Amino acid sequence: MTPAASYASGLLGPENNDAADDAARLRDLIDELAVVRGRVTLSSGKEADYYVDLRRVTLHHEAAPLVGRVMLSMLDAAGVDFTAAGGLTMGADPVGTAILHAAAAQGRTIDSFVVRKAQKSYGMARQVEGPSVAGRRVVVLEDTSTTGGSALTAVEGVRAAGGQVQAVAIIVDRDTGAKEHIESEAGVPCLYAYSKTDLGLD
């Protein structure tokens, strides 16, 4: 999949339906709330001419429900069958919660989970918190990724806990090789809702 073939790019034309409306409004909110233009250093250590702070969207009263609906619609359109979704804390946490609520509004039962960066050394000594993922088909989430490292850490943790990872799903792909790295290392599809082209960041 190239940036021009993002999930949203297929919906952002003249069509007037709920999915297209959701995708268009969420794109506008990402641009308005989350895109910070200017030279920045990313968590990977790389430099960029913009920063996408998606927590300003995933924790926003209007945008968060849209995140859930857009991500769930993208996964459904791709034919991904799953019963739980989550990822590495903390970027993925509100994304998983948004999907949980979007699914519940449709009468579907999709749980969420949180992956710690390392297994706890006390209590239940779990790395994956929430309803058990053992034996379940799950999706690993990330808000945005530069190298794919956070998503791959989550994939490893989920698999160690017995989860069957079906895909990785990202809200915004920065087109910096994360998708390709994730697919190569994890051996599952990496889907994204918006490319940097969709957001006018080329």
N, C-alpha and C. Protein backbone atom coordinates (compact mmCIF):
# COMPACT_ATOMS: atom_id res chain seq x y z
N MET A 1 0.85 -1.19 0.00
CA MET A 1 0.00 0.00 0.00
C MET A 1 0.88 1.24 0.00
N THR A 2 0.59 2.14 -0.87
CA THR A 2 1.33 3.40 -0.94
C THR A 2 0.54 4.47 -0.20
N PRO A 3 1.17 5.61 0.10
CA PRO A 3 0.42 6.66 0.78
C PRO A 3 -0.86 7.05 0.05
N ALA A 4 -0.86 7.03 -1.28
CA ALA A 4 -2.05 7.42 -2.04
C ALA A 4 -3.18 6.41 -1.87
N ALA A 5 -2.87 5.21 -1.34
CA ALA A 5 -3.87 4.17 -1.20
C ALA A 5 -4.29 3.98 0.26
N SER A 6 -4.23 5.04 1.04
CA SER A 6 -4.70 4.95 2.42
C SER A 6 -6.19 4.66 2.43
N TYR A 7 -6.68 4.19 3.57
CA TYR A 7 -8.11 3.93 3.69
C TYR A 7 -8.92 5.19 3.40
N ALA A 8 -8.52 6.30 4.00
CA ALA A 8 -9.29 7.53 3.85
C ALA A 8 -9.30 8.04 2.42
N SER A 9 -8.22 7.81 1.68
CA SER A 9 -8.15 8.36 0.33
C SER A 9 -9.25 7.81 -0.57
N GLY A 10 -9.75 6.63 -0.23
CA GLY A 10 -10.85 6.06 -1.00
C GLY A 10 -12.20 6.62 -0.62
N LEU A 11 -12.25 7.41 0.47
CA LEU A 11 -13.52 7.92 0.96
C LEU A 11 -13.65 9.43 0.83
N LEU A 12 -12.54 10.12 0.56
CA LEU A 12 -12.55 11.58 0.65
C LEU A 12 -12.95 12.27 -0.65
N GLY A 13 -13.69 11.58 -1.48
CA GLY A 13 -14.19 12.18 -2.71
C GLY A 13 -15.59 12.74 -2.50
N PRO A 14 -16.41 12.75 -3.56
CA PRO A 14 -17.74 13.38 -3.47
C PRO A 14 -18.79 12.51 -2.81
N GLU A 15 -18.43 11.26 -2.42
CA GLU A 15 -19.43 10.38 -1.83
C GLU A 15 -20.02 11.02 -0.58
N ASN A 16 -21.29 10.78 -0.36
CA ASN A 16 -21.95 11.29 0.83
C ASN A 16 -22.52 10.12 1.61
N ASN A 17 -21.71 9.52 2.45
CA ASN A 17 -22.17 8.46 3.32
C ASN A 17 -21.50 8.62 4.67
N ASP A 18 -21.96 7.85 5.64
CA ASP A 18 -21.49 8.03 7.01
C ASP A 18 -19.98 7.83 7.12
N ALA A 19 -19.44 6.78 6.46
CA ALA A 19 -18.01 6.51 6.56
C ALA A 19 -17.20 7.65 5.95
N ALA A 20 -17.65 8.15 4.81
CA ALA A 20 -16.94 9.24 4.14
C ALA A 20 -17.02 10.52 4.99
N ASP A 21 -18.18 10.77 5.57
CA ASP A 21 -18.33 11.96 6.42
C ASP A 21 -17.42 11.87 7.64
N ASP A 22 -17.38 10.69 8.26
CA ASP A 22 -16.52 10.49 9.42
C ASP A 22 -15.05 10.71 9.05
N ALA A 23 -14.63 10.11 7.93
CA ALA A 23 -13.23 10.21 7.51
C ALA A 23 -12.85 11.66 7.19
N ALA A 24 -13.75 12.38 6.53
CA ALA A 24 -13.47 13.78 6.18
C ALA A 24 -13.39 14.66 7.42
N ARG A 25 -14.32 14.47 8.34
CA ARG A 25 -14.31 15.29 9.55
C ARG A 25 -13.09 14.98 10.42
N LEU A 26 -12.73 13.70 10.54
CA LEU A 26 -11.56 13.36 11.34
C LEU A 26 -10.29 13.92 10.71
N ARG A 27 -10.20 13.86 9.39
CA ARG A 27 -9.04 14.47 8.72
C ARG A 27 -8.95 15.96 9.06
N ASP A 28 -10.06 16.64 9.01
CA ASP A 28 -10.05 18.08 9.32
C ASP A 28 -9.62 18.34 10.76
N LEU A 29 -10.08 17.50 11.68
CA LEU A 29 -9.71 17.67 13.08
C LEU A 29 -8.24 17.36 13.32
N ILE A 30 -7.72 16.35 12.62
CA ILE A 30 -6.28 16.05 12.74
C ILE A 30 -5.47 17.26 12.28
N ASP A 31 -5.86 17.83 11.14
CA ASP A 31 -5.15 18.99 10.62
C ASP A 31 -5.26 20.18 11.58
N GLU A 32 -6.44 20.37 12.12
CA GLU A 32 -6.69 21.53 13.00
C GLU A 32 -6.03 21.38 14.37
N LEU A 33 -6.10 20.18 14.94
CA LEU A 33 -5.69 20.00 16.33
C LEU A 33 -4.30 19.37 16.51
N ALA A 34 -3.90 18.50 15.58
CA ALA A 34 -2.75 17.65 15.84
C ALA A 34 -1.49 17.98 15.05
N VAL A 35 -1.63 18.62 13.89
CA VAL A 35 -0.46 18.86 13.05
C VAL A 35 0.24 20.14 13.51
N VAL A 36 1.49 19.97 13.92
CA VAL A 36 2.32 21.09 14.35
C VAL A 36 3.43 21.25 13.32
N ARG A 37 3.44 22.35 12.61
CA ARG A 37 4.43 22.55 11.56
C ARG A 37 5.64 23.29 12.10
N GLY A 38 6.82 22.86 11.67
CA GLY A 38 8.08 23.43 12.16
C GLY A 38 9.07 22.30 12.42
N ARG A 39 10.33 22.62 12.45
CA ARG A 39 11.37 21.60 12.61
C ARG A 39 11.31 20.99 14.01
N VAL A 40 11.17 19.67 14.07
CA VAL A 40 11.08 18.97 15.35
C VAL A 40 11.94 17.71 15.31
N THR A 41 12.33 17.24 16.49
CA THR A 41 13.01 15.96 16.63
C THR A 41 12.01 14.94 17.15
N LEU A 42 11.86 13.83 16.44
CA LEU A 42 10.89 12.80 16.79
C LEU A 42 11.46 11.88 17.86
N SER A 43 10.60 11.04 18.45
CA SER A 43 11.04 10.12 19.49
C SER A 43 12.09 9.14 18.98
N SER A 44 12.08 8.91 17.66
CA SER A 44 13.07 8.01 17.05
C SER A 44 14.44 8.67 16.93
N GLY A 45 14.49 10.00 17.16
CA GLY A 45 15.74 10.73 16.99
C GLY A 45 15.85 11.40 15.63
N LYS A 46 14.94 11.03 14.72
CA LYS A 46 14.94 11.64 13.39
C LYS A 46 14.33 13.04 13.45
N GLU A 47 14.70 13.88 12.50
CA GLU A 47 14.13 15.22 12.42
C GLU A 47 13.08 15.28 11.31
N ALA A 48 12.11 16.15 11.51
CA ALA A 48 11.05 16.31 10.52
C ALA A 48 10.60 17.76 10.49
N ASP A 49 9.88 18.11 9.42
CA ASP A 49 9.38 19.49 9.27
C ASP A 49 8.00 19.67 9.89
N TYR A 50 7.47 18.62 10.47
CA TYR A 50 6.17 18.71 11.13
C TYR A 50 6.09 17.60 12.19
N TYR A 51 5.16 17.78 13.09
CA TYR A 51 4.91 16.78 14.13
C TYR A 51 3.41 16.56 14.19
N VAL A 52 2.99 15.31 14.31
CA VAL A 52 1.57 15.01 14.43
C VAL A 52 1.32 14.50 15.85
N ASP A 53 0.76 15.34 16.68
CA ASP A 53 0.49 15.00 18.08
C ASP A 53 -0.93 14.47 18.17
N LEU A 54 -1.08 13.17 17.93
CA LEU A 54 -2.42 12.60 17.81
C LEU A 54 -3.14 12.46 19.14
N ARG A 55 -2.45 12.63 20.25
CA ARG A 55 -3.17 12.62 21.53
C ARG A 55 -4.13 13.81 21.62
N ARG A 56 -3.82 14.87 20.88
CA ARG A 56 -4.74 16.01 20.84
C ARG A 56 -6.04 15.65 20.11
N VAL A 57 -6.02 14.54 19.39
CA VAL A 57 -7.19 14.05 18.66
C VAL A 57 -7.83 12.87 19.40
N THR A 58 -7.02 11.90 19.78
CA THR A 58 -7.57 10.68 20.39
C THR A 58 -8.17 10.92 21.76
N LEU A 59 -7.84 12.05 22.38
CA LEU A 59 -8.40 12.41 23.69
C LEU A 59 -9.36 13.59 23.60
N HIS A 60 -9.79 13.92 22.39
CA HIS A 60 -10.67 15.06 22.14
C HIS A 60 -12.13 14.60 22.10
N HIS A 61 -13.02 15.42 22.66
CA HIS A 61 -14.42 15.01 22.81
C HIS A 61 -15.12 14.68 21.50
N GLU A 62 -14.84 15.42 20.44
CA GLU A 62 -15.47 15.13 19.15
C GLU A 62 -14.67 14.13 18.33
N ALA A 63 -13.35 14.27 18.37
CA ALA A 63 -12.50 13.45 17.49
C ALA A 63 -12.41 12.00 17.92
N ALA A 64 -12.40 11.74 19.22
CA ALA A 64 -12.21 10.36 19.70
C ALA A 64 -13.27 9.40 19.17
N PRO A 65 -14.57 9.74 19.22
CA PRO A 65 -15.55 8.83 18.64
C PRO A 65 -15.33 8.60 17.13
N LEU A 66 -14.88 9.65 16.44
CA LEU A 66 -14.59 9.49 15.01
C LEU A 66 -13.42 8.53 14.80
N VAL A 67 -12.40 8.63 15.65
CA VAL A 67 -11.27 7.71 15.57
C VAL A 67 -11.76 6.27 15.65
N GLY A 68 -12.64 6.00 16.61
CA GLY A 68 -13.16 4.64 16.77
C GLY A 68 -13.91 4.16 15.54
N ARG A 69 -14.77 5.01 15.01
CA ARG A 69 -15.56 4.60 13.85
C ARG A 69 -14.71 4.45 12.60
N VAL A 70 -13.79 5.37 12.37
CA VAL A 70 -12.94 5.30 11.17
C VAL A 70 -12.03 4.08 11.23
N MET A 71 -11.40 3.84 12.37
CA MET A 71 -10.49 2.69 12.48
C MET A 71 -11.25 1.37 12.36
N LEU A 72 -12.41 1.28 13.00
CA LEU A 72 -13.21 0.06 12.91
C LEU A 72 -13.68 -0.17 11.48
N SER A 73 -14.11 0.88 10.80
CA SER A 73 -14.55 0.77 9.41
C SER A 73 -13.40 0.33 8.51
N MET A 74 -12.20 0.87 8.76
CA MET A 74 -11.03 0.48 7.96
C MET A 74 -10.73 -1.00 8.13
N LEU A 75 -10.75 -1.47 9.36
CA LEU A 75 -10.45 -2.88 9.63
C LEU A 75 -11.52 -3.79 9.03
N ASP A 76 -12.78 -3.37 9.12
CA ASP A 76 -13.85 -4.15 8.51
C ASP A 76 -13.70 -4.21 6.99
N ALA A 77 -13.37 -3.06 6.38
CA ALA A 77 -13.20 -3.01 4.92
C ALA A 77 -12.07 -3.91 4.46
N ALA A 78 -11.05 -4.07 5.32
CA ALA A 78 -9.91 -4.93 4.98
C ALA A 78 -10.17 -6.40 5.30
N GLY A 79 -11.33 -6.69 5.89
CA GLY A 79 -11.67 -8.07 6.20
C GLY A 79 -10.92 -8.64 7.38
N VAL A 80 -10.48 -7.79 8.30
CA VAL A 80 -9.74 -8.25 9.48
C VAL A 80 -10.74 -8.70 10.54
N ASP A 81 -10.63 -9.96 10.95
CA ASP A 81 -11.52 -10.55 11.95
C ASP A 81 -10.79 -10.52 13.30
N PHE A 82 -11.35 -9.80 14.28
CA PHE A 82 -10.67 -9.68 15.56
C PHE A 82 -11.68 -9.46 16.68
N THR A 83 -11.27 -9.76 17.91
CA THR A 83 -12.15 -9.58 19.06
C THR A 83 -11.53 -8.70 20.13
N ALA A 84 -10.33 -8.20 19.90
CA ALA A 84 -9.70 -7.29 20.85
C ALA A 84 -8.69 -6.43 20.10
N ALA A 85 -8.49 -5.20 20.60
CA ALA A 85 -7.56 -4.28 19.95
C ALA A 85 -6.87 -3.43 21.01
N GLY A 86 -5.58 -3.23 20.83
CA GLY A 86 -4.82 -2.41 21.77
C GLY A 86 -3.38 -2.31 21.30
N GLY A 87 -2.57 -1.68 22.11
CA GLY A 87 -1.17 -1.52 21.73
C GLY A 87 -0.34 -0.98 22.86
N LEU A 88 0.84 -0.51 22.51
CA LEU A 88 1.80 -0.06 23.51
C LEU A 88 1.29 1.22 24.18
N THR A 89 1.32 1.22 25.49
CA THR A 89 0.93 2.42 26.21
C THR A 89 1.96 3.54 25.96
N MET A 90 1.58 4.83 25.75
CA MET A 90 0.21 5.25 25.97
C MET A 90 -0.47 5.72 24.68
N GLY A 91 0.28 5.81 23.60
CA GLY A 91 -0.30 6.31 22.36
C GLY A 91 -1.47 5.50 21.86
N ALA A 92 -1.41 4.18 22.04
CA ALA A 92 -2.45 3.31 21.52
C ALA A 92 -3.66 3.21 22.44
N ASP A 93 -3.50 3.58 23.71
CA ASP A 93 -4.56 3.34 24.70
C ASP A 93 -5.90 3.97 24.30
N PRO A 94 -5.95 5.28 24.00
CA PRO A 94 -7.26 5.86 23.64
C PRO A 94 -7.79 5.36 22.30
N VAL A 95 -6.91 4.87 21.42
CA VAL A 95 -7.36 4.33 20.14
C VAL A 95 -8.13 3.03 20.38
N GLY A 96 -7.58 2.18 21.24
CA GLY A 96 -8.27 0.94 21.58
C GLY A 96 -9.60 1.18 22.25
N THR A 97 -9.64 2.15 23.16
CA THR A 97 -10.89 2.48 23.84
C THR A 97 -11.92 3.03 22.86
N ALA A 98 -11.47 3.84 21.90
CA ALA A 98 -12.39 4.38 20.90
C ALA A 98 -13.00 3.28 20.05
N ILE A 99 -12.19 2.31 19.66
CA ILE A 99 -12.70 1.18 18.87
C ILE A 99 -13.69 0.36 19.69
N LEU A 100 -13.37 0.13 20.96
CA LEU A 100 -14.27 -0.61 21.85
C LEU A 100 -15.65 0.03 21.87
N HIS A 101 -15.69 1.35 22.04
CA HIS A 101 -16.97 2.05 22.12
C HIS A 101 -17.68 2.08 20.78
N ALA A 102 -16.92 2.25 19.69
CA ALA A 102 -17.54 2.24 18.36
C ALA A 102 -18.18 0.89 18.08
N ALA A 103 -17.49 -0.18 18.46
CA ALA A 103 -18.04 -1.52 18.25
C ALA A 103 -19.27 -1.74 19.11
N ALA A 104 -19.22 -1.30 20.37
CA ALA A 104 -20.36 -1.48 21.27
C ALA A 104 -21.60 -0.76 20.74
N ALA A 105 -21.40 0.40 20.11
CA ALA A 105 -22.52 1.14 19.54
C ALA A 105 -23.18 0.37 18.40
N GLN A 106 -22.44 -0.57 17.81
CA GLN A 106 -22.98 -1.41 16.74
C GLN A 106 -23.45 -2.77 17.25
N GLY A 107 -23.43 -2.94 18.57
CA GLY A 107 -23.84 -4.21 19.16
C GLY A 107 -22.79 -5.30 19.05
N ARG A 108 -21.53 -4.90 18.87
CA ARG A 108 -20.43 -5.86 18.72
C ARG A 108 -19.60 -5.90 20.00
N THR A 109 -18.96 -7.04 20.23
CA THR A 109 -18.15 -7.20 21.44
C THR A 109 -16.68 -7.25 21.07
N ILE A 110 -16.03 -6.10 21.12
CA ILE A 110 -14.59 -6.01 20.92
C ILE A 110 -13.99 -5.40 22.19
N ASP A 111 -13.05 -6.12 22.79
CA ASP A 111 -12.38 -5.64 23.99
C ASP A 111 -11.15 -4.82 23.61
N SER A 112 -10.62 -4.12 24.61
CA SER A 112 -9.36 -3.43 24.42
C SER A 112 -8.34 -3.96 25.42
N PHE A 113 -7.08 -3.66 25.17
CA PHE A 113 -6.01 -4.07 26.08
C PHE A 113 -4.88 -3.06 26.01
N VAL A 114 -4.03 -3.08 27.00
CA VAL A 114 -2.90 -2.17 27.09
C VAL A 114 -1.62 -3.00 27.22
N VAL A 115 -0.63 -2.68 26.42
CA VAL A 115 0.66 -3.37 26.48
C VAL A 115 1.68 -2.48 27.17
N ARG A 116 2.23 -2.95 28.26
CA ARG A 116 3.31 -2.22 28.93
C ARG A 116 4.59 -2.36 28.13
N LYS A 117 5.50 -1.42 28.35
CA LYS A 117 6.79 -1.49 27.66
C LYS A 117 7.61 -2.67 28.13
N ALA A 118 7.39 -3.10 29.36
CA ALA A 118 8.07 -4.28 29.90
C ALA A 118 7.13 -4.97 30.88
N GLN A 119 7.31 -6.24 31.06
CA GLN A 119 6.48 -7.01 31.98
C GLN A 119 6.68 -6.52 33.41
N LYS A 120 5.59 -6.45 34.17
CA LYS A 120 5.68 -6.04 35.56
C LYS A 120 6.48 -7.07 36.36
N SER A 121 7.18 -6.60 37.38
CA SER A 121 7.93 -7.51 38.25
C SER A 121 7.20 -7.76 39.56
N TYR A 122 5.93 -7.34 39.65
CA TYR A 122 5.16 -7.48 40.88
C TYR A 122 3.72 -7.80 40.52
N GLY A 123 2.91 -8.08 41.54
CA GLY A 123 1.51 -8.38 41.31
C GLY A 123 1.33 -9.58 40.41
N MET A 124 0.53 -9.41 39.35
CA MET A 124 0.25 -10.50 38.41
C MET A 124 1.37 -10.65 37.37
N ALA A 125 2.34 -9.73 37.40
CA ALA A 125 3.51 -9.79 36.50
C ALA A 125 3.09 -9.86 35.03
N ARG A 126 2.11 -9.05 34.68
CA ARG A 126 1.61 -9.06 33.31
C ARG A 126 2.23 -7.92 32.50
N GLN A 127 2.41 -8.17 31.22
CA GLN A 127 2.79 -7.11 30.30
C GLN A 127 1.57 -6.59 29.55
N VAL A 128 0.61 -7.47 29.31
CA VAL A 128 -0.62 -7.09 28.61
C VAL A 128 -1.75 -7.01 29.63
N GLU A 129 -2.30 -5.81 29.83
CA GLU A 129 -3.34 -5.58 30.83
C GLU A 129 -4.71 -5.51 30.17
N GLY A 130 -5.72 -5.91 30.93
CA GLY A 130 -7.08 -5.92 30.44
C GLY A 130 -7.58 -7.34 30.28
N PRO A 131 -8.70 -7.55 29.59
CA PRO A 131 -9.18 -8.91 29.34
C PRO A 131 -8.09 -9.74 28.65
N SER A 132 -7.99 -11.00 29.00
CA SER A 132 -6.94 -11.85 28.45
C SER A 132 -7.00 -11.90 26.92
N VAL A 133 -5.82 -11.87 26.29
CA VAL A 133 -5.75 -12.00 24.84
C VAL A 133 -5.38 -13.42 24.41
N ALA A 134 -5.15 -14.30 25.37
CA ALA A 134 -4.71 -15.67 25.05
C ALA A 134 -5.71 -16.37 24.14
N GLY A 135 -5.22 -16.85 23.02
CA GLY A 135 -6.05 -17.58 22.08
C GLY A 135 -7.00 -16.73 21.26
N ARG A 136 -6.89 -15.41 21.37
CA ARG A 136 -7.82 -14.52 20.68
C ARG A 136 -7.18 -13.85 19.48
N ARG A 137 -8.01 -13.53 18.49
CA ARG A 137 -7.56 -12.81 17.30
C ARG A 137 -7.58 -11.32 17.63
N VAL A 138 -6.43 -10.68 17.56
CA VAL A 138 -6.33 -9.29 18.01
C VAL A 138 -5.66 -8.41 16.95
N VAL A 139 -5.91 -7.11 17.10
CA VAL A 139 -5.26 -6.10 16.27
C VAL A 139 -4.40 -5.23 17.18
N VAL A 140 -3.18 -4.97 16.75
CA VAL A 140 -2.28 -4.08 17.47
C VAL A 140 -2.42 -2.68 16.88
N LEU A 141 -2.57 -1.69 17.74
CA LEU A 141 -2.84 -0.32 17.32
C LEU A 141 -1.67 0.61 17.62
N GLU A 142 -1.62 1.70 16.86
CA GLU A 142 -0.69 2.80 17.13
C GLU A 142 -1.31 4.05 16.55
N ASP A 143 -1.05 5.20 17.19
CA ASP A 143 -1.62 6.43 16.62
C ASP A 143 -0.83 6.85 15.38
N THR A 144 0.48 6.96 15.50
CA THR A 144 1.35 7.18 14.35
C THR A 144 2.69 6.55 14.65
N SER A 145 3.47 6.27 13.62
CA SER A 145 4.73 5.58 13.84
C SER A 145 5.76 6.06 12.84
N THR A 146 6.99 6.23 13.32
CA THR A 146 8.09 6.63 12.44
C THR A 146 8.93 5.43 12.01
N THR A 147 9.24 4.56 12.98
CA THR A 147 10.09 3.40 12.69
C THR A 147 9.35 2.08 12.80
N GLY A 148 8.19 2.08 13.46
CA GLY A 148 7.46 0.84 13.70
C GLY A 148 7.85 0.16 15.00
N GLY A 149 8.80 0.74 15.73
CA GLY A 149 9.32 0.10 16.93
C GLY A 149 8.29 -0.14 18.01
N SER A 150 7.43 0.85 18.27
CA SER A 150 6.42 0.70 19.33
C SER A 150 5.42 -0.40 18.98
N ALA A 151 4.98 -0.42 17.74
CA ALA A 151 4.04 -1.46 17.31
C ALA A 151 4.66 -2.85 17.41
N LEU A 152 5.91 -2.97 17.05
CA LEU A 152 6.58 -4.27 17.10
C LEU A 152 6.78 -4.73 18.53
N THR A 153 7.06 -3.79 19.45
CA THR A 153 7.14 -4.15 20.87
C THR A 153 5.81 -4.69 21.35
N ALA A 154 4.72 -4.04 20.92
CA ALA A 154 3.39 -4.50 21.30
C ALA A 154 3.08 -5.87 20.70
N VAL A 155 3.43 -6.07 19.45
CA VAL A 155 3.20 -7.38 18.81
C VAL A 155 3.91 -8.47 19.60
N GLU A 156 5.15 -8.22 19.96
CA GLU A 156 5.92 -9.21 20.71
C GLU A 156 5.26 -9.52 22.05
N GLY A 157 4.82 -8.46 22.76
CA GLY A 157 4.17 -8.66 24.05
C GLY A 157 2.87 -9.42 23.94
N VAL A 158 2.07 -9.10 22.92
CA VAL A 158 0.79 -9.77 22.72
C VAL A 158 1.00 -11.24 22.37
N ARG A 159 1.95 -11.51 21.51
CA ARG A 159 2.22 -12.91 21.15
C ARG A 159 2.73 -13.70 22.34
N ALA A 160 3.54 -13.08 23.17
CA ALA A 160 4.03 -13.76 24.38
C ALA A 160 2.88 -14.09 25.33
N ALA A 161 1.82 -13.27 25.28
CA ALA A 161 0.65 -13.49 26.12
C ALA A 161 -0.36 -14.43 25.47
N GLY A 162 -0.04 -14.95 24.29
CA GLY A 162 -0.91 -15.93 23.64
C GLY A 162 -1.87 -15.36 22.62
N GLY A 163 -1.77 -14.06 22.33
CA GLY A 163 -2.65 -13.45 21.36
C GLY A 163 -2.25 -13.76 19.93
N GLN A 164 -3.23 -13.83 19.04
CA GLN A 164 -3.00 -14.11 17.63
C GLN A 164 -3.17 -12.81 16.85
N VAL A 165 -2.06 -12.16 16.55
CA VAL A 165 -2.09 -10.85 15.91
C VAL A 165 -2.50 -10.99 14.45
N GLN A 166 -3.57 -10.28 14.08
CA GLN A 166 -4.09 -10.35 12.71
C GLN A 166 -3.61 -9.19 11.84
N ALA A 167 -3.33 -8.05 12.46
CA ALA A 167 -2.91 -6.87 11.72
C ALA A 167 -2.42 -5.82 12.70
N VAL A 168 -1.71 -4.85 12.16
CA VAL A 168 -1.36 -3.63 12.89
C VAL A 168 -2.13 -2.50 12.20
N ALA A 169 -2.74 -1.62 12.98
CA ALA A 169 -3.54 -0.53 12.42
C ALA A 169 -3.07 0.80 13.01
N ILE A 170 -2.78 1.76 12.14
CA ILE A 170 -2.23 3.05 12.52
C ILE A 170 -3.16 4.15 12.00
N ILE A 171 -3.33 5.20 12.77
CA ILE A 171 -4.18 6.30 12.30
C ILE A 171 -3.50 7.05 11.16
N VAL A 172 -2.27 7.54 11.40
CA VAL A 172 -1.55 8.33 10.39
C VAL A 172 -0.20 7.69 10.08
N ASP A 173 0.04 7.41 8.81
CA ASP A 173 1.33 6.90 8.35
C ASP A 173 2.19 8.06 7.86
N ARG A 174 3.38 8.18 8.41
CA ARG A 174 4.28 9.29 8.06
C ARG A 174 5.09 8.99 6.79
N ASP A 175 4.93 7.78 6.23
CA ASP A 175 5.68 7.39 5.03
C ASP A 175 7.19 7.45 5.28
N THR A 176 7.60 6.91 6.43
CA THR A 176 9.02 6.85 6.78
C THR A 176 9.52 5.41 6.90
N GLY A 177 8.75 4.47 6.36
CA GLY A 177 9.17 3.07 6.35
C GLY A 177 8.62 2.22 7.47
N ALA A 178 7.81 2.80 8.35
CA ALA A 178 7.27 2.03 9.47
C ALA A 178 6.39 0.87 8.99
N LYS A 179 5.52 1.14 8.03
CA LYS A 179 4.61 0.11 7.52
C LYS A 179 5.40 -1.09 6.99
N GLU A 180 6.41 -0.80 6.17
CA GLU A 180 7.20 -1.87 5.56
C GLU A 180 7.98 -2.64 6.63
N HIS A 181 8.52 -1.92 7.62
CA HIS A 181 9.27 -2.57 8.69
C HIS A 181 8.37 -3.48 9.52
N ILE A 182 7.18 -2.99 9.86
CA ILE A 182 6.24 -3.79 10.64
C ILE A 182 5.84 -5.05 9.89
N GLU A 183 5.49 -4.90 8.61
CA GLU A 183 5.06 -6.07 7.84
C GLU A 183 6.18 -7.08 7.68
N SER A 184 7.41 -6.60 7.51
CA SER A 184 8.55 -7.50 7.36
C SER A 184 8.84 -8.25 8.66
N GLU A 185 8.83 -7.53 9.77
CA GLU A 185 9.22 -8.13 11.05
C GLU A 185 8.08 -8.93 11.70
N ALA A 186 6.86 -8.42 11.61
CA ALA A 186 5.74 -9.06 12.29
C ALA A 186 5.02 -10.08 11.41
N GLY A 187 5.14 -9.93 10.09
CA GLY A 187 4.51 -10.88 9.18
C GLY A 187 3.00 -10.74 9.11
N VAL A 188 2.49 -9.53 9.41
CA VAL A 188 1.05 -9.27 9.31
C VAL A 188 0.85 -7.96 8.55
N PRO A 189 -0.33 -7.73 8.00
CA PRO A 189 -0.59 -6.47 7.30
C PRO A 189 -0.51 -5.28 8.25
N CYS A 190 -0.04 -4.17 7.73
CA CYS A 190 -0.06 -2.90 8.48
C CYS A 190 -0.96 -1.94 7.70
N LEU A 191 -2.08 -1.56 8.31
CA LEU A 191 -3.06 -0.70 7.67
C LEU A 191 -2.97 0.70 8.29
N TYR A 192 -3.31 1.70 7.50
CA TYR A 192 -3.36 3.05 8.06
C TYR A 192 -4.52 3.81 7.45
N ALA A 193 -5.10 4.69 8.27
CA ALA A 193 -6.29 5.42 7.84
C ALA A 193 -5.94 6.61 6.96
N TYR A 194 -4.86 7.33 7.32
CA TYR A 194 -4.48 8.54 6.59
C TYR A 194 -2.99 8.51 6.27
N SER A 195 -2.67 8.95 5.08
CA SER A 195 -1.28 9.15 4.69
C SER A 195 -0.93 10.62 4.90
N LYS A 196 0.34 10.94 4.81
CA LYS A 196 0.72 12.36 4.90
C LYS A 196 0.18 13.14 3.71
N THR A 197 -0.04 12.46 2.59
CA THR A 197 -0.66 13.12 1.43
C THR A 197 -2.09 13.56 1.75
N ASP A 198 -2.84 12.68 2.43
CA ASP A 198 -4.21 13.03 2.83
C ASP A 198 -4.24 14.28 3.68
N LEU A 199 -3.18 14.48 4.47
CA LEU A 199 -3.12 15.61 5.39
C LEU A 199 -2.37 16.82 4.83
N GLY A 200 -1.97 16.72 3.55
CA GLY A 200 -1.28 17.82 2.92
C GLY A 200 0.11 18.06 3.48
N LEU A 201 0.79 16.98 3.87
CA LEU A 201 2.11 17.11 4.50
C LEU A 201 3.24 16.69 3.60
N ASP A 202 3.01 16.54 2.31
CA ASP A 202 4.07 16.18 1.36
C ASP A 202 5.09 17.30 1.23
